[in-house]
Amino acid sequence: MTGSEQEPAQGEEVKPTTPAEETIPLQDPPQDAEAPKDDPAAAEDPEGSAGSPSHPDSKLQRGRRSIKKKTQYIIREKHGPMRNAIPYMPMPVAIFLCVLNIVPGVGTFLSAFFTLCCPVPGMKDEPKTKPFSYCLLAAFVQIVLAIIIVGWILSFYWGVMFIVISWRKGEEPVAVIERYEK
């Protein structure tokens, strides 16, 4: 007999259990630890009131633990279309374009041409012209906004993203969170 099957006492009705209510034994109680046979209350209920299925603390039986449902959540990073347009390039090329981005828009402009020959992990199913146009737009925005320092910040960010995407080998990170529920 397995740990999830229990014999009903006489006069007790059998109730089906769900997986969340099912219990498995951690250890079997020793045979000599049973209640004396001459005690009528112990003869009716050898496990006490906590062992009866109708008792609210029936999951807290001695030597048993309840099974909990395990749920997995997969979390993916989600980015905008301009960030998704950055191509996966070999690491030396990514470093070179990052250095060229010291002048706002130059490295980003050249990265647009790499979208035509290198994979773009953020836009796998899109035509090659879409990430190309987004990279050209990003280069134009960096050049125009360089006057008010925002373009320099965008250019620096874009250069760092070239290296990060190359370092991750074009794969987006995925986090798996496991949660136990009752």
Protein backbone atom coordinates (compact mmCIF):
# COMPACT_ATOMS: atom_id res chain seq x y z
CA MET A 1 0.00 0.00 0.00
CA THR A 2 1.39 3.42 -0.91
CA GLY A 3 1.55 6.41 1.39
CA SER A 4 -1.35 8.16 -0.32
CA GLU A 5 -3.75 5.26 0.26
CA GLN A 6 -5.20 5.02 3.74
CA GLU A 7 -7.51 2.38 5.13
CA PRO A 8 -10.75 3.86 6.48
CA ALA A 9 -11.76 2.94 10.01
CA GLN A 10 -14.99 1.06 10.49
CA GLY A 11 -18.05 3.25 10.04
CA GLU A 12 -15.99 6.01 8.40
CA GLU A 13 -16.78 7.06 4.83
CA VAL A 14 -14.02 7.28 2.22
CA LYS A 15 -13.49 10.75 0.72
CA PRO A 16 -11.51 11.23 -2.48
CA THR A 17 -8.56 13.58 -2.07
CA THR A 18 -7.13 16.10 -4.45
CA PRO A 19 -3.34 16.26 -5.02
CA ALA A 20 -3.11 19.32 -2.77
CA GLU A 21 -4.80 17.45 0.08
CA GLU A 22 -2.94 14.22 -0.41
CA THR A 23 -0.31 13.40 2.20
CA ILE A 24 2.74 11.18 2.01
CA PRO A 25 4.45 9.62 5.01
CA LEU A 26 7.92 10.74 5.99
CA GLN A 27 8.39 7.81 8.32
CA ASP A 28 6.25 5.01 9.65
CA PRO A 29 5.50 5.10 13.38
CA PRO A 30 7.00 2.21 15.34
CA GLN A 31 4.69 -0.75 15.94
CA ASP A 32 5.02 -0.70 19.75
CA ALA A 33 3.99 3.00 19.92
CA GLU A 34 0.29 2.20 19.37
CA ALA A 35 -2.28 2.97 22.04
CA PRO A 36 -3.13 0.24 24.57
CA LYS A 37 -5.87 -2.13 23.43
CA ASP A 38 -7.95 -1.80 26.60
CA ASP A 39 -8.60 1.97 26.15
CA PRO A 40 -11.93 2.30 24.24
CA ALA A 41 -11.22 5.88 22.98
CA ALA A 42 -7.82 4.88 21.63
CA ALA A 43 -9.24 1.76 20.00
CA GLU A 44 -11.73 3.85 18.00
CA ASP A 45 -9.21 6.48 16.82
CA PRO A 46 -5.59 5.29 17.11
CA GLU A 47 -4.15 8.51 15.60
CA GLY A 48 -6.15 10.94 17.73
CA SER A 49 -8.45 13.68 16.49
CA ALA A 50 -5.76 15.21 14.24
CA GLY A 51 -5.71 12.04 12.14
CA SER A 52 -9.35 12.10 11.12
CA PRO A 53 -9.99 13.39 7.60
CA SER A 54 -12.77 15.73 8.81
CA HIS A 55 -10.55 17.50 11.34
CA PRO A 56 -9.17 20.87 10.10
CA ASP A 57 -5.62 20.01 11.21
CA SER A 58 -5.59 16.67 9.39
CA LYS A 59 -2.60 17.81 7.29
CA LEU A 60 -0.56 18.23 10.45
CA GLN A 61 -0.44 14.53 11.22
CA ARG A 62 2.59 13.31 13.04
CA GLY A 63 5.20 11.95 10.63
CA ARG A 64 3.46 13.24 7.51
CA ARG A 65 3.71 16.31 5.27
CA SER A 66 1.33 17.61 2.65
CA ILE A 67 2.13 17.71 -1.05
CA LYS A 68 2.16 21.18 -2.53
CA LYS A 69 1.70 22.10 -6.17
CA LYS A 70 4.83 23.42 -7.88
CA THR A 71 4.30 26.16 -10.47
CA GLN A 72 6.97 27.58 -12.78
CA TYR A 73 6.90 31.10 -14.14
CA ILE A 74 9.11 32.02 -17.09
CA ILE A 75 10.09 35.67 -17.22
CA ARG A 76 11.50 37.21 -20.38
CA GLU A 77 12.84 40.72 -20.81
CA LYS A 78 10.70 42.89 -23.03
CA HIS A 79 12.22 45.81 -24.93
CA GLY A 80 11.07 48.43 -27.39
CA PRO A 81 11.53 48.13 -31.16
CA MET A 82 14.67 50.32 -31.27
CA ARG A 83 16.45 48.22 -28.63
CA ASN A 84 15.30 45.03 -30.37
CA ALA A 85 16.88 46.26 -33.62
CA ILE A 86 20.45 45.99 -32.28
CA PRO A 87 22.16 43.16 -34.18
CA TYR A 88 24.24 40.34 -32.73
CA MET A 89 27.80 40.99 -33.93
CA PRO A 90 31.14 39.33 -33.23
CA MET A 91 32.73 40.74 -30.07
CA PRO A 92 35.62 42.62 -31.80
CA VAL A 93 33.13 44.36 -34.11
CA ALA A 94 30.88 45.26 -31.16
CA ILE A 95 33.83 46.77 -29.26
CA PHE A 96 34.94 48.70 -32.35
CA LEU A 97 31.45 50.15 -32.88
CA CYS A 98 31.19 50.99 -29.17
CA VAL A 99 34.42 53.01 -29.44
CA LEU A 100 33.12 54.72 -32.60
CA ASN A 101 30.01 55.75 -30.65
CA ILE A 102 32.18 58.27 -28.79
CA VAL A 103 31.06 60.50 -31.64
CA PRO A 104 27.27 60.22 -31.30
CA GLY A 105 25.58 58.21 -34.04
CA VAL A 106 28.66 56.97 -35.94
CA GLY A 107 28.80 53.45 -34.44
CA THR A 108 25.01 53.18 -34.51
CA PHE A 109 24.93 54.22 -38.17
CA LEU A 110 27.45 51.51 -39.06
CA SER A 111 25.55 48.94 -36.95
CA ALA A 112 22.56 49.48 -39.24
CA PHE A 113 24.52 47.83 -42.04
CA PHE A 114 25.30 44.86 -39.80
CA THR A 115 21.58 44.21 -39.44
CA LEU A 116 21.61 43.16 -43.11
CA CYS A 117 24.19 40.39 -42.60
CA CYS A 118 24.09 39.55 -38.86
CA PRO A 119 21.20 38.05 -36.90
CA VAL A 120 18.94 40.40 -34.98
CA PRO A 121 17.73 38.46 -31.92
CA GLY A 122 14.96 40.92 -31.04
CA MET A 123 13.37 40.84 -34.50
CA LYS A 124 13.76 37.27 -35.73
CA ASP A 125 10.64 37.12 -37.87
CA GLU A 126 10.81 40.65 -39.29
CA PRO A 127 12.22 41.57 -42.72
CA LYS A 128 15.82 42.87 -42.66
CA THR A 129 14.73 46.37 -43.65
CA LYS A 130 12.83 46.94 -40.40
CA PRO A 131 15.82 46.67 -37.98
CA PHE A 132 17.93 48.52 -40.57
CA SER A 133 15.52 51.48 -40.53
CA TYR A 134 15.30 51.46 -36.70
CA CYS A 135 19.11 51.61 -36.40
CA LEU A 136 19.26 54.48 -38.89
CA LEU A 137 16.57 56.29 -36.92
CA ALA A 138 18.49 55.72 -33.66
CA ALA A 139 21.67 57.14 -35.25
CA PHE A 140 19.75 60.20 -36.46
CA VAL A 141 18.24 60.75 -32.98
CA GLN A 142 21.68 60.47 -31.37
CA ILE A 143 23.14 63.07 -33.75
CA VAL A 144 20.25 65.51 -33.30
CA LEU A 145 20.12 65.18 -29.50
CA ALA A 146 23.91 65.47 -29.07
CA ILE A 147 23.41 69.22 -28.76
CA ILE A 148 21.62 68.82 -25.42
CA ILE A 149 23.81 65.97 -24.05
CA VAL A 150 20.99 63.38 -24.36
CA GLY A 151 22.48 62.13 -27.66
CA TRP A 152 25.81 61.43 -25.93
CA ILE A 153 24.01 59.38 -23.28
CA LEU A 154 22.02 57.45 -25.92
CA SER A 155 25.19 56.85 -27.91
CA PHE A 156 26.98 55.49 -24.84
CA TYR A 157 23.99 53.25 -24.01
CA TRP A 158 23.82 51.97 -27.59
CA GLY A 159 27.55 51.13 -27.59
CA VAL A 160 27.24 49.23 -24.32
CA MET A 161 24.26 47.30 -25.73
CA PHE A 162 26.41 46.23 -28.72
CA ILE A 163 28.82 44.58 -26.28
CA VAL A 164 26.14 43.13 -23.99
CA ILE A 165 24.26 41.47 -26.85
CA SER A 166 27.50 40.08 -28.26
CA TRP A 167 28.53 38.83 -24.83
CA ARG A 168 25.20 37.03 -24.36
CA LYS A 169 25.65 35.51 -27.83
CA GLY A 170 22.41 37.03 -29.03
CA GLU A 171 20.22 35.18 -26.53
CA GLU A 172 17.80 37.05 -24.35
CA PRO A 173 18.06 36.08 -20.68
CA VAL A 174 15.19 34.08 -19.27
CA ALA A 175 14.50 33.71 -15.57
CA VAL A 176 12.58 30.71 -14.26
CA ILE A 177 10.88 31.19 -10.92
CA GLU A 178 9.52 28.16 -9.08
CA ARG A 179 6.76 28.74 -6.58
CA TYR A 180 5.10 26.24 -4.29
CA GLU A 181 1.39 26.73 -3.77
CA LYS A 182 -1.02 25.05 -1.40
